[in-house]
C-alpha atoms as a PDB file:
ATOM      1  CA  MET A   1       1.353  29.270 -17.495  1.00  0.00           C
ATOM      2  CA  ILE A   2       2.991  25.122 -18.100  1.00  0.00           C
ATOM      3  CA  PHE A   3       4.589  24.257 -14.555  1.00  0.00           C
ATOM      4  CA  PRO A   4       7.536  21.511 -14.246  1.00  0.00           C
ATOM      5  CA  PHE A   5       5.991  18.213 -13.382  1.00  0.00           C
ATOM      6  CA  LEU A   6       8.378  18.619 -10.183  1.00  0.00           C
ATOM      7  CA  VAL A   7       6.891  21.829  -8.542  1.00  0.00           C
ATOM      8  CA  LEU A   8       3.339  20.496  -9.750  1.00  0.00           C
ATOM      9  CA  ILE A   9       4.301  17.350  -7.366  1.00  0.00           C
ATOM     10  CA  ALA A  10       5.770  19.317  -4.727  1.00  0.00           C
ATOM     11  CA  GLU A  11       2.504  21.667  -4.667  1.00  0.00           C
ATOM     12  CA  LEU A  12       0.257  18.508  -4.218  1.00  0.00           C
ATOM     13  CA  ILE A  13       2.204  17.136  -1.609  1.00  0.00           C
ATOM     14  CA  SER A  14       2.846  20.414   0.385  1.00  0.00           C
ATOM     15  CA  GLN A  15      -1.511  20.262   0.426  1.00  0.00           C
ATOM     16  CA  TYR A  16      -1.363  16.932   2.655  1.00  0.00           C
ATOM     17  CA  TYR A  17       1.904  17.682   3.919  1.00  0.00           C
ATOM     18  CA  PRO A  18       2.855  21.084   4.475  1.00  0.00           C
ATOM     19  CA  LYS A  19       5.305  20.632   7.102  1.00  0.00           C
ATOM     20  CA  LEU A  20       7.373  18.275   4.719  1.00  0.00           C
ATOM     21  CA  VAL A  21       7.331  21.086   1.464  1.00  0.00           C
ATOM     22  CA  ASP A  22       8.852  24.191   1.775  1.00  0.00           C
ATOM     23  CA  LEU A  23       8.349  24.937  -2.281  1.00  0.00           C
ATOM     24  CA  HIS A  24      11.002  27.606  -2.036  1.00  0.00           C
ATOM     25  CA  SER A  25      13.449  24.601  -2.012  1.00  0.00           C
ATOM     26  CA  TYR A  26      12.193  23.975  -5.517  1.00  0.00           C
ATOM     27  CA  PRO A  27      12.986  26.709  -8.196  1.00  0.00           C
ATOM     28  CA  ARG A  28      12.380  26.485 -11.597  1.00  0.00           C
ATOM     29  CA  ALA A  29      15.169  25.264 -13.928  1.00  0.00           C
ATOM     30  CA  SER A  30      15.492  23.683 -17.517  1.00  0.00           C
ATOM     31  CA  SER A  31      18.476  22.295 -17.562  1.00  0.00           C
ATOM     32  CA  LYS A  32      18.456  18.958 -16.536  1.00  0.00           C
ATOM     33  CA  PRO A  33      21.686  19.089 -13.869  1.00  0.00           C
ATOM     34  CA  ALA A  34      19.328  21.734 -11.808  1.00  0.00           C
ATOM     35  CA  LYS A  35      16.218  19.615 -12.506  1.00  0.00           C
ATOM     36  CA  ARG A  36      18.360  16.594 -11.188  1.00  0.00           C
ATOM     37  CA  HIS A  37      19.212  18.241  -8.064  1.00  0.00           C
ATOM     38  CA  ASN A  38      15.454  19.496  -7.842  1.00  0.00           C
ATOM     39  CA  TRP A  39      14.132  15.718  -8.051  1.00  0.00           C
ATOM     40  CA  GLU A  40      17.284  14.631  -5.867  1.00  0.00           C
ATOM     41  CA  HIS A  41      16.089  16.905  -3.083  1.00  0.00           C
ATOM     42  CA  LEU A  42      12.196  16.056  -3.488  1.00  0.00           C
ATOM     43  CA  ARG A  43      13.144  12.474  -3.005  1.00  0.00           C
ATOM     44  CA  ARG A  44      16.134  13.086   0.205  1.00  0.00           C
ATOM     45  CA  LYS A  45      13.722  15.369   1.809  1.00  0.00           C
ATOM     46  CA  VAL A  46      10.281  14.135   1.222  1.00  0.00           C
ATOM     47  CA  PHE A  47       9.465  11.303  -0.984  1.00  0.00           C
ATOM     48  CA  SER A  48      11.938   9.371   1.924  1.00  0.00           C
ATOM     49  CA  LYS A  49       9.865  10.017   4.642  1.00  0.00           C
ATOM     50  CA  LEU A  50       7.061   9.359   2.365  1.00  0.00           C
ATOM     51  CA  ALA A  51       8.123   5.404   1.829  1.00  0.00           C
ATOM     52  CA  LEU A  52       7.874   6.803  -2.022  1.00  0.00           C
ATOM     53  CA  PRO A  53      10.510   4.980  -3.668  1.00  0.00           C
ATOM     54  CA  LEU A  54      12.251   6.626  -7.068  1.00  0.00           C
ATOM     55  CA  SER A  55      15.155   5.703  -8.202  1.00  0.00           C
ATOM     56  CA  ASP A  56      18.110   7.250  -9.816  1.00  0.00           C
ATOM     57  CA  GLU A  57      17.426   5.639 -13.091  1.00  0.00           C
ATOM     58  CA  ASP A  58      13.329   7.051 -12.368  1.00  0.00           C
ATOM     59  CA  ILE A  59      14.800  10.510 -12.062  1.00  0.00           C
ATOM     60  CA  GLY A  60      17.053   9.744 -15.375  1.00  0.00           C
ATOM     61  CA  MET A  61      13.375   9.198 -17.114  1.00  0.00           C
ATOM     62  CA  ILE A  62      11.636  11.591 -16.178  1.00  0.00           C
ATOM     63  CA  ILE A  63      14.362  14.442 -16.693  1.00  0.00           C
ATOM     64  CA  GLU A  64      13.888  13.249 -20.282  1.00  0.00           C
ATOM     65  CA  SER A  65      10.597  12.865 -20.533  1.00  0.00           C
ATOM     66  CA  LYS A  66      10.667   9.567 -21.503  1.00  0.00           C
ATOM     67  CA  GLN A  67       7.518   7.903 -22.334  1.00  0.00           C
ATOM     68  CA  GLY A  68       6.220   6.143 -18.970  1.00  0.00           C
ATOM     69  CA  ALA A  69       8.771   8.165 -16.647  1.00  0.00           C
ATOM     70  CA  VAL A  70       5.696   9.322 -14.787  1.00  0.00           C
ATOM     71  CA  ASN A  71       4.255   5.783 -13.814  1.00  0.00           C
ATOM     72  CA  ASN A  72       7.188   5.466 -11.935  1.00  0.00           C
ATOM     73  CA  VAL A  73       6.147   8.259  -9.417  1.00  0.00           C
ATOM     74  CA  ASN A  74       3.419   6.838  -7.262  1.00  0.00           C
END
């Protein structure tokens, strides 16, 4: 089974910061608006608390599966 990148990131973060990530808040999504919603939620609720910057452009590139987009998630 292939998991969306967001779910893998959320699961990884939840291993180290279990109180920050509620995995039930990130449903599997195939539409671009739903993917954007999930990424914006992760950015607002988790990345902001970990001081991990992720711009709207970065989210758009990830959703569009642009080459190198994942490199911006650090």
